[in-house]
C-alpha atoms as a PDB file:
ATOM      1  CA  UNK A   1      15.133  94.304 -11.410  1.00  0.00           C
ATOM      2  CA  UNK A   2      18.618  92.841 -11.341  1.00  0.00           C
ATOM      3  CA  UNK A   3      21.676  93.960 -13.292  1.00  0.00           C
ATOM      4  CA  UNK A   4      23.602  91.589 -15.593  1.00  0.00           C
ATOM      5  CA  UNK A   5      26.360  91.365 -12.962  1.00  0.00           C
ATOM      6  CA  UNK A   6      23.832  90.500 -10.254  1.00  0.00           C
ATOM      7  CA  UNK A   7      22.409  87.795 -12.520  1.00  0.00           C
ATOM      8  CA  UNK A   8      25.933  86.404 -12.885  1.00  0.00           C
ATOM      9  CA  UNK A   9      26.305  86.498  -9.118  1.00  0.00           C
ATOM     10  CA  UNK A  10      23.038  84.608  -8.615  1.00  0.00           C
ATOM     11  CA  UNK A  11      24.024  82.013 -11.215  1.00  0.00           C
ATOM     12  CA  UNK A  12      27.338  81.528  -9.396  1.00  0.00           C
ATOM     13  CA  UNK A  13      25.595  80.974  -6.059  1.00  0.00           C
ATOM     14  CA  UNK A  14      23.133  78.548  -7.661  1.00  0.00           C
ATOM     15  CA  UNK A  15      26.040  76.521  -9.015  1.00  0.00           C
ATOM     16  CA  UNK A  16      28.336  76.612  -5.971  1.00  0.00           C
ATOM     17  CA  UNK A  17      26.025  77.067  -3.004  1.00  0.00           C
ATOM     18  CA  UNK A  18      27.470  79.020  -0.077  1.00  0.00           C
ATOM     19  CA  UNK A  19      30.427  81.026  -1.423  1.00  0.00           C
ATOM     20  CA  UNK A  20      32.890  83.416   0.184  1.00  0.00           C
ATOM     21  CA  UNK A  21      32.469  87.058  -0.871  1.00  0.00           C
ATOM     22  CA  UNK A  22      36.139  87.237  -1.850  1.00  0.00           C
ATOM     23  CA  UNK A  23      35.700  84.220  -4.161  1.00  0.00           C
ATOM     24  CA  UNK A  24      32.614  85.837  -5.719  1.00  0.00           C
ATOM     25  CA  UNK A  25      34.569  89.024  -6.433  1.00  0.00           C
ATOM     26  CA  UNK A  26      37.410  87.061  -8.012  1.00  0.00           C
ATOM     27  CA  UNK A  27      35.064  85.010 -10.180  1.00  0.00           C
ATOM     28  CA  UNK A  28      33.147  88.070 -11.405  1.00  0.00           C
ATOM     29  CA  UNK A  29      36.209  90.284 -11.797  1.00  0.00           C
ATOM     30  CA  UNK A  30      34.638  92.893  -9.519  1.00  0.00           C
ATOM     31  CA  UNK A  31      35.841  94.698  -6.419  1.00  0.00           C
ATOM     32  CA  UNK A  32      34.830  93.548  -2.945  1.00  0.00           C
ATOM     33  CA  UNK A  33      32.937  96.814  -2.449  1.00  0.00           C
ATOM     34  CA  UNK A  34      30.938  96.247  -5.649  1.00  0.00           C
ATOM     35  CA  UNK A  35      30.072  92.682  -4.700  1.00  0.00           C
ATOM     36  CA  UNK A  36      29.017  93.742  -1.204  1.00  0.00           C
ATOM     37  CA  UNK A  37      26.703  96.400  -2.706  1.00  0.00           C
ATOM     38  CA  UNK A  38      25.200  93.811  -5.042  1.00  0.00           C
ATOM     39  CA  UNK A  39      24.679  91.394  -2.156  1.00  0.00           C
ATOM     40  CA  UNK A  40      23.042  94.113  -0.065  1.00  0.00           C
ATOM     41  CA  UNK A  41      20.578  94.811  -2.875  1.00  0.00           C
ATOM     42  CA  UNK A  42      19.858  91.126  -3.496  1.00  0.00           C
ATOM     43  CA  UNK A  43      19.411  90.515   0.227  1.00  0.00           C
ATOM     44  CA  UNK A  44      16.847  93.343   0.356  1.00  0.00           C
ATOM     45  CA  UNK A  45      14.961  91.589  -2.467  1.00  0.00           C
ATOM     46  CA  UNK A  46      14.946  88.348  -0.463  1.00  0.00           C
ATOM     47  CA  UNK A  47      17.069  86.513  -3.026  1.00  0.00           C
ATOM     48  CA  UNK A  48      20.248  85.891  -1.039  1.00  0.00           C
ATOM     49  CA  UNK A  49      21.288  85.315   2.553  1.00  0.00           C
ATOM     50  CA  UNK A  50      24.589  86.667   3.899  1.00  0.00           C
ATOM     51  CA  UNK A  51      26.535  84.917   6.630  1.00  0.00           C
ATOM     52  CA  UNK A  52      30.037  85.555   8.045  1.00  0.00           C
ATOM     53  CA  UNK A  53      31.783  86.775   4.908  1.00  0.00           C
ATOM     54  CA  UNK A  54      29.847  84.465   2.572  1.00  0.00           C
ATOM     55  CA  UNK A  55      26.529  84.354   0.748  1.00  0.00           C
ATOM     56  CA  UNK A  56      24.040  81.815  -0.575  1.00  0.00           C
ATOM     57  CA  UNK A  57      20.688  81.772  -2.351  1.00  0.00           C
ATOM     58  CA  UNK A  58      17.838  82.333   0.105  1.00  0.00           C
ATOM     59  CA  UNK A  59      16.002  79.045   0.559  1.00  0.00           C
ATOM     60  CA  UNK A  60      12.578  80.595  -0.038  1.00  0.00           C
ATOM     61  CA  UNK A  61      13.713  82.110  -3.344  1.00  0.00           C
ATOM     62  CA  UNK A  62      15.685  79.192  -4.776  1.00  0.00           C
ATOM     63  CA  UNK A  63      13.112  78.009  -7.345  1.00  0.00           C
ATOM     64  CA  UNK A  64      12.333  81.555  -8.533  1.00  0.00           C
ATOM     65  CA  UNK A  65      16.018  82.418  -8.853  1.00  0.00           C
ATOM     66  CA  UNK A  66      16.804  79.160 -10.648  1.00  0.00           C
ATOM     67  CA  UNK A  67      14.066  79.744 -13.217  1.00  0.00           C
ATOM     68  CA  UNK A  68      15.077  83.377 -13.740  1.00  0.00           C
ATOM     69  CA  UNK A  69      18.684  82.309 -14.255  1.00  0.00           C
ATOM     70  CA  UNK A  70      17.694  79.758 -16.900  1.00  0.00           C
ATOM     71  CA  UNK A  71      15.377  82.270 -18.569  1.00  0.00           C
ATOM     72  CA  UNK A  72      18.202  84.792 -18.929  1.00  0.00           C
ATOM     73  CA  UNK A  73      20.539  82.322 -20.688  1.00  0.00           C
ATOM     74  CA  UNK A  74      20.460  82.851 -24.483  1.00  0.00           C
ATOM     75  CA  UNK A  75      17.452  85.109 -23.972  1.00  0.00           C
ATOM     76  CA  UNK A  76      17.668  86.760 -27.408  1.00  0.00           C
ATOM     77  CA  UNK A  77      17.804  83.395 -29.183  1.00  0.00           C
ATOM     78  CA  UNK A  78      14.788  82.197 -27.209  1.00  0.00           C
ATOM     79  CA  UNK A  79      12.799  85.299 -28.159  1.00  0.00           C
ATOM     80  CA  UNK A  80      13.710  84.820 -31.825  1.00  0.00           C
ATOM     81  CA  UNK A  81      12.684  81.143 -31.776  1.00  0.00           C
ATOM     82  CA  UNK A  82       9.414  81.938 -30.020  1.00  0.00           C
ATOM     83  CA  UNK A  83       8.525  84.662 -32.531  1.00  0.00           C
ATOM     84  CA  UNK A  84       9.069  82.243 -35.417  1.00  0.00           C
ATOM     85  CA  UNK A  85       7.111  79.496 -33.641  1.00  0.00           C
ATOM     86  CA  UNK A  86       4.187  81.855 -33.129  1.00  0.00           C
ATOM     87  CA  UNK A  87       3.798  82.057 -36.875  1.00  0.00           C
ATOM     88  CA  UNK A  88       2.826  78.372 -36.820  1.00  0.00           C
ATOM     89  CA  UNK A  89       0.168  78.722 -34.100  1.00  0.00           C
ATOM     90  CA  UNK A  90      -3.301  78.090 -35.531  1.00  0.00           C
ATOM     91  CA  UNK A  91      -6.143  80.234 -34.138  1.00  0.00           C
ATOM     92  CA  UNK A  92      -8.830  78.038 -32.618  1.00  0.00           C
ATOM     93  CA  UNK A  93      -6.433  75.104 -32.228  1.00  0.00           C
ATOM     94  CA  UNK A  94      -5.879  73.075 -29.075  1.00  0.00           C
ATOM     95  CA  UNK A  95      -2.230  73.593 -28.174  1.00  0.00           C
ATOM     96  CA  UNK A  96      -0.033  72.203 -25.420  1.00  0.00           C
ATOM     97  CA  UNK A  97       2.724  74.389 -23.962  1.00  0.00           C
ATOM     98  CA  UNK A  98       5.426  72.769 -21.861  1.00  0.00           C
ATOM     99  CA  UNK A  99       7.424  74.339 -19.029  1.00  0.00           C
ATOM    100  CA  UNK A 100      10.572  75.383 -20.884  1.00  0.00           C
ATOM    101  CA  UNK A 101      11.839  78.953 -20.794  1.00  0.00           C
ATOM    102  CA  UNK A 102      11.735  79.153 -24.603  1.00  0.00           C
ATOM    103  CA  UNK A 103       8.063  78.177 -24.660  1.00  0.00           C
ATOM    104  CA  UNK A 104       7.429  80.818 -21.997  1.00  0.00           C
ATOM    105  CA  UNK A 105       8.581  83.381 -24.569  1.00  0.00           C
ATOM    106  CA  UNK A 106       5.932  81.995 -26.948  1.00  0.00           C
ATOM    107  CA  UNK A 107       3.288  82.547 -24.259  1.00  0.00           C
ATOM    108  CA  UNK A 108       3.868  86.276 -24.486  1.00  0.00           C
ATOM    109  CA  UNK A 109       2.913  86.208 -28.175  1.00  0.00           C
ATOM    110  CA  UNK A 110      -0.217  84.191 -27.419  1.00  0.00           C
ATOM    111  CA  UNK A 111      -1.271  86.819 -24.879  1.00  0.00           C
ATOM    112  CA  UNK A 112      -1.144  89.460 -27.620  1.00  0.00           C
ATOM    113  CA  UNK A 113      -3.102  87.508 -30.256  1.00  0.00           C
ATOM    114  CA  UNK A 114      -6.684  88.549 -30.928  1.00  0.00           C
ATOM    115  CA  UNK A 115      -8.270  85.187 -31.699  1.00  0.00           C
ATOM    116  CA  UNK A 116      -9.472  82.385 -29.392  1.00  0.00           C
ATOM    117  CA  UNK A 117      -7.190  79.477 -28.558  1.00  0.00           C
ATOM    118  CA  UNK A 118      -7.410  76.478 -26.233  1.00  0.00           C
ATOM    119  CA  UNK A 119      -4.259  75.882 -24.178  1.00  0.00           C
ATOM    120  CA  UNK A 120      -3.250  72.920 -22.045  1.00  0.00           C
ATOM    121  CA  UNK A 121      -0.039  73.086 -20.033  1.00  0.00           C
ATOM    122  CA  UNK A 122       1.935  71.304 -17.335  1.00  0.00           C
ATOM    123  CA  UNK A 123       3.634  74.552 -16.292  1.00  0.00           C
ATOM    124  CA  UNK A 124       2.591  76.636 -13.303  1.00  0.00           C
ATOM    125  CA  UNK A 125       4.461  79.593 -14.805  1.00  0.00           C
ATOM    126  CA  UNK A 126       2.580  79.332 -18.111  1.00  0.00           C
ATOM    127  CA  UNK A 127      -0.713  78.995 -16.225  1.00  0.00           C
ATOM    128  CA  UNK A 128       0.033  82.136 -14.221  1.00  0.00           C
ATOM    129  CA  UNK A 129       0.758  84.098 -17.402  1.00  0.00           C
ATOM    130  CA  UNK A 130      -2.425  82.973 -19.187  1.00  0.00           C
ATOM    131  CA  UNK A 131      -4.920  82.641 -16.322  1.00  0.00           C
ATOM    132  CA  UNK A 132      -6.639  86.002 -16.883  1.00  0.00           C
ATOM    133  CA  UNK A 133      -6.316  86.244 -20.678  1.00  0.00           C
ATOM    134  CA  UNK A 134      -9.866  86.372 -22.042  1.00  0.00           C
ATOM    135  CA  UNK A 135      -9.237  84.735 -25.444  1.00  0.00           C
ATOM    136  CA  UNK A 136      -7.397  81.753 -23.897  1.00  0.00           C
ATOM    137  CA  UNK A 137      -9.330  78.691 -22.692  1.00  0.00           C
ATOM    138  CA  UNK A 138      -6.725  77.409 -20.219  1.00  0.00           C
ATOM    139  CA  UNK A 139      -6.321  73.997 -18.544  1.00  0.00           C
ATOM    140  CA  UNK A 140      -3.485  72.970 -16.202  1.00  0.00           C
ATOM    141  CA  UNK A 141      -2.837  69.244 -15.862  1.00  0.00           C
ATOM    142  CA  UNK A 142      -1.948  67.713 -12.495  1.00  0.00           C
ATOM    143  CA  UNK A 143       1.062  65.770 -11.288  1.00  0.00           C
ATOM    144  CA  UNK A 144       4.120  66.021  -9.067  1.00  0.00           C
ATOM    145  CA  UNK A 145       5.577  69.525  -9.047  1.00  0.00           C
ATOM    146  CA  UNK A 146       9.149  69.517 -10.338  1.00  0.00           C
ATOM    147  CA  UNK A 147      10.849  72.232  -8.316  1.00  0.00           C
ATOM    148  CA  UNK A 148      13.444  73.188 -10.934  1.00  0.00           C
ATOM    149  CA  UNK A 149      10.916  74.612 -13.390  1.00  0.00           C
ATOM    150  CA  UNK A 150       7.542  74.357 -11.609  1.00  0.00           C
ATOM    151  CA  UNK A 151       6.233  71.763 -14.059  1.00  0.00           C
ATOM    152  CA  UNK A 152       3.838  68.860 -13.467  1.00  0.00           C
ATOM    153  CA  UNK A 153       5.431  65.467 -14.080  1.00  0.00           C
ATOM    154  CA  UNK A 154       4.987  61.826 -13.048  1.00  0.00           C
ATOM    155  CA  UNK A 155       2.212  59.225 -13.497  1.00  0.00           C
ATOM    156  CA  UNK A 156      -0.672  61.629 -12.806  1.00  0.00           C
ATOM    157  CA  UNK A 157       0.545  63.969 -15.533  1.00  0.00           C
ATOM    158  CA  UNK A 158       0.869  61.068 -17.995  1.00  0.00           C
ATOM    159  CA  UNK A 159      -2.637  59.864 -17.125  1.00  0.00           C
ATOM    160  CA  UNK A 160      -4.068  63.324 -17.804  1.00  0.00           C
ATOM    161  CA  UNK A 161      -2.253  63.542 -21.134  1.00  0.00           C
ATOM    162  CA  UNK A 162      -3.557  60.152 -22.230  1.00  0.00           C
ATOM    163  CA  UNK A 163      -7.075  61.619 -22.164  1.00  0.00           C
ATOM    164  CA  UNK A 164      -6.192  64.453 -24.547  1.00  0.00           C
ATOM    165  CA  UNK A 165      -5.863  64.967 -28.298  1.00  0.00           C
ATOM    166  CA  UNK A 166      -3.591  67.909 -29.035  1.00  0.00           C
ATOM    167  CA  UNK A 167      -3.463  69.789 -32.345  1.00  0.00           C
ATOM    168  CA  UNK A 168      -0.085  71.438 -31.715  1.00  0.00           C
ATOM    169  CA  UNK A 169       2.585  70.738 -29.106  1.00  0.00           C
ATOM    170  CA  UNK A 170       5.319  73.277 -28.378  1.00  0.00           C
ATOM    171  CA  UNK A 171       8.104  71.613 -26.419  1.00  0.00           C
ATOM    172  CA  UNK A 172      11.497  72.780 -25.212  1.00  0.00           C
ATOM    173  CA  UNK A 173      14.618  70.624 -25.020  1.00  0.00           C
ATOM    174  CA  UNK A 174      17.364  70.157 -22.451  1.00  0.00           C
ATOM    175  CA  UNK A 175      19.744  68.313 -24.787  1.00  0.00           C
ATOM    176  CA  UNK A 176      19.757  66.979 -28.371  1.00  0.00           C
ATOM    177  CA  UNK A 177      22.455  64.602 -29.604  1.00  0.00           C
ATOM    178  CA  UNK A 178      23.583  64.125 -33.205  1.00  0.00           C
ATOM    179  CA  UNK A 179      21.199  61.185 -33.677  1.00  0.00           C
ATOM    180  CA  UNK A 180      18.241  63.409 -32.811  1.00  0.00           C
ATOM    181  CA  UNK A 181      17.594  61.975 -29.350  1.00  0.00           C
ATOM    182  CA  UNK A 182      16.132  64.373 -26.808  1.00  0.00           C
ATOM    183  CA  UNK A 183      17.133  63.863 -23.174  1.00  0.00           C
ATOM    184  CA  UNK A 184      16.424  65.333 -19.735  1.00  0.00           C
ATOM    185  CA  UNK A 185      18.107  65.587 -16.336  1.00  0.00           C
ATOM    186  CA  UNK A 186      14.856  64.662 -14.538  1.00  0.00           C
ATOM    187  CA  UNK A 187      13.772  61.011 -14.257  1.00  0.00           C
ATOM    188  CA  UNK A 188      10.021  61.767 -14.502  1.00  0.00           C
ATOM    189  CA  UNK A 189      10.080  64.342 -17.306  1.00  0.00           C
ATOM    190  CA  UNK A 190      10.870  61.995 -20.255  1.00  0.00           C
ATOM    191  CA  UNK A 191       7.702  59.933 -19.882  1.00  0.00           C
ATOM    192  CA  UNK A 192       5.591  63.093 -19.719  1.00  0.00           C
ATOM    193  CA  UNK A 193       7.259  64.647 -22.759  1.00  0.00           C
ATOM    194  CA  UNK A 194       7.035  61.421 -24.781  1.00  0.00           C
ATOM    195  CA  UNK A 195       3.332  61.162 -23.936  1.00  0.00           C
ATOM    196  CA  UNK A 196       2.796  64.765 -25.046  1.00  0.00           C
ATOM    197  CA  UNK A 197       4.388  63.945 -28.394  1.00  0.00           C
ATOM    198  CA  UNK A 198       2.323  60.796 -28.823  1.00  0.00           C
ATOM    199  CA  UNK A 199      -0.922  62.729 -28.261  1.00  0.00           C
ATOM    200  CA  UNK A 200      -0.091  65.621 -30.611  1.00  0.00           C
ATOM    201  CA  UNK A 201      -0.925  65.893 -34.303  1.00  0.00           C
ATOM    202  CA  UNK A 202       1.983  68.339 -34.740  1.00  0.00           C
ATOM    203  CA  UNK A 203       5.090  68.579 -32.564  1.00  0.00           C
ATOM    204  CA  UNK A 204       7.339  71.649 -32.564  1.00  0.00           C
ATOM    205  CA  UNK A 205      10.643  71.435 -30.692  1.00  0.00           C
ATOM    206  CA  UNK A 206      11.910  74.880 -29.676  1.00  0.00           C
ATOM    207  CA  UNK A 207      15.635  74.638 -28.905  1.00  0.00           C
ATOM    208  CA  UNK A 208      18.407  77.208 -29.087  1.00  0.00           C
ATOM    209  CA  UNK A 209      21.746  76.192 -30.564  1.00  0.00           C
ATOM    210  CA  UNK A 210      23.360  75.575 -27.160  1.00  0.00           C
ATOM    211  CA  UNK A 211      21.251  72.402 -26.798  1.00  0.00           C
ATOM    212  CA  UNK A 212      22.932  70.525 -29.692  1.00  0.00           C
ATOM    213  CA  UNK A 213      25.628  67.861 -29.333  1.00  0.00           C
ATOM    214  CA  UNK A 214      24.596  67.232 -25.731  1.00  0.00           C
ATOM    215  CA  UNK A 215      23.132  64.358 -23.740  1.00  0.00           C
ATOM    216  CA  UNK A 216      21.419  64.399 -20.371  1.00  0.00           C
ATOM    217  CA  UNK A 217      20.849  61.348 -18.172  1.00  0.00           C
ATOM    218  CA  UNK A 218      17.337  60.320 -19.228  1.00  0.00           C
ATOM    219  CA  UNK A 219      16.297  59.807 -22.863  1.00  0.00           C
ATOM    220  CA  UNK A 220      12.945  61.221 -23.964  1.00  0.00           C
ATOM    221  CA  UNK A 221      12.554  60.100 -27.589  1.00  0.00           C
ATOM    222  CA  UNK A 222      14.263  60.346 -30.969  1.00  0.00           C
ATOM    223  CA  UNK A 223      13.023  62.957 -33.419  1.00  0.00           C
ATOM    224  CA  UNK A 224      11.446  61.437 -36.513  1.00  0.00           C
ATOM    225  CA  UNK A 225       9.641  62.297 -39.731  1.00  0.00           C
ATOM    226  CA  UNK A 226       7.049  65.007 -39.198  1.00  0.00           C
ATOM    227  CA  UNK A 227       8.624  66.535 -36.110  1.00  0.00           C
ATOM    228  CA  UNK A 228       9.467  70.209 -36.523  1.00  0.00           C
ATOM    229  CA  UNK A 229      12.538  71.742 -34.940  1.00  0.00           C
ATOM    230  CA  UNK A 230      12.941  75.508 -34.641  1.00  0.00           C
ATOM    231  CA  UNK A 231      16.349  76.836 -33.602  1.00  0.00           C
ATOM    232  CA  UNK A 232      18.345  80.044 -33.877  1.00  0.00           C
ATOM    233  CA  UNK A 233      21.464  78.928 -35.783  1.00  0.00           C
ATOM    234  CA  UNK A 234      22.285  76.148 -38.271  1.00  0.00           C
ATOM    235  CA  UNK A 235      22.810  72.928 -36.279  1.00  0.00           C
ATOM    236  CA  UNK A 236      26.032  70.871 -36.301  1.00  0.00           C
ATOM    237  CA  UNK A 237      26.639  69.026 -39.618  1.00  0.00           C
ATOM    238  CA  UNK A 238      26.127  65.581 -38.056  1.00  0.00           C
ATOM    239  CA  UNK A 239      22.693  66.529 -36.743  1.00  0.00           C
ATOM    240  CA  UNK A 240      21.764  68.304 -39.973  1.00  0.00           C
ATOM    241  CA  UNK A 241      22.626  65.145 -41.917  1.00  0.00           C
ATOM    242  CA  UNK A 242      20.496  63.040 -39.574  1.00  0.00           C
ATOM    243  CA  UNK A 243      17.595  65.498 -39.830  1.00  0.00           C
ATOM    244  CA  UNK A 244      17.692  65.260 -43.618  1.00  0.00           C
ATOM    245  CA  UNK A 245      17.729  61.441 -43.572  1.00  0.00           C
ATOM    246  CA  UNK A 246      14.935  61.273 -40.994  1.00  0.00           C
ATOM    247  CA  UNK A 247      12.872  63.969 -42.766  1.00  0.00           C
ATOM    248  CA  UNK A 248      12.741  66.174 -39.695  1.00  0.00           C
ATOM    249  CA  UNK A 249      11.555  69.663 -40.574  1.00  0.00           C
ATOM    250  CA  UNK A 250      14.252  72.184 -39.607  1.00  0.00           C
ATOM    251  CA  UNK A 251      13.614  75.947 -39.355  1.00  0.00           C
ATOM    252  CA  UNK A 252      16.233  78.569 -38.539  1.00  0.00           C
ATOM    253  CA  UNK A 253      14.419  81.368 -36.736  1.00  0.00           C
ATOM    254  CA  UNK A 254      14.497  84.828 -38.298  1.00  0.00           C
ATOM    255  CA  UNK A 255      15.582  87.569 -35.906  1.00  0.00           C
ATOM    256  CA  UNK A 256      13.517  90.041 -37.951  1.00  0.00           C
ATOM    257  CA  UNK A 257      10.388  88.397 -36.501  1.00  0.00           C
ATOM    258  CA  UNK A 258      11.168  89.589 -32.968  1.00  0.00           C
END
């Protein structure tokens, strides 16, 4: 287990790379002694490497630490969204779960359900969570492993998706602009996500409020009539106006569901 301050420290090292201990202490508003204790604990866990008055993320732990850091951001909002999304899951349906940290929160509800469900995913993390769950018929599609979130992307993933019909897709989002366009930082992810949406009878976008009014490098698709967006707070007025015109279903998650 890591403390909130240690999580901040890890996030700082992920962002900056090798960083002097004195700079870490200044950034976190902590004493040098406190930072050194935190680094000693994180080094014992194999998460950081210390070298000559500086520290960096251990190379073998980089992907795990990166995912954990993303999972901890807006964690309460993600749990609230996932709980609301679970209310839409149909027992016996064929669902597709992507590799986002918000969808991973939904996985924990699926584990607790008492009815059979068929799950396809492109996420190694989701597959690990569901592999031994008796009421889940699980399939993991192939593709190139994207290191940032351990997802399967690229042409092989698209080819696998083109052989599927999905009842319900639950998809996270990196960025959503005011015109309803989803975008990603990864060049291969948009084609995979767009193919998921094309093969799904119902698409649910699970996105916390920090994802609005943003654009990443690579466009995925533009939300349209019939798409369902679940978020934690009312979206910006410009997006809300677009959603109404485009007849996008918008749900504000209820924290009482968590």
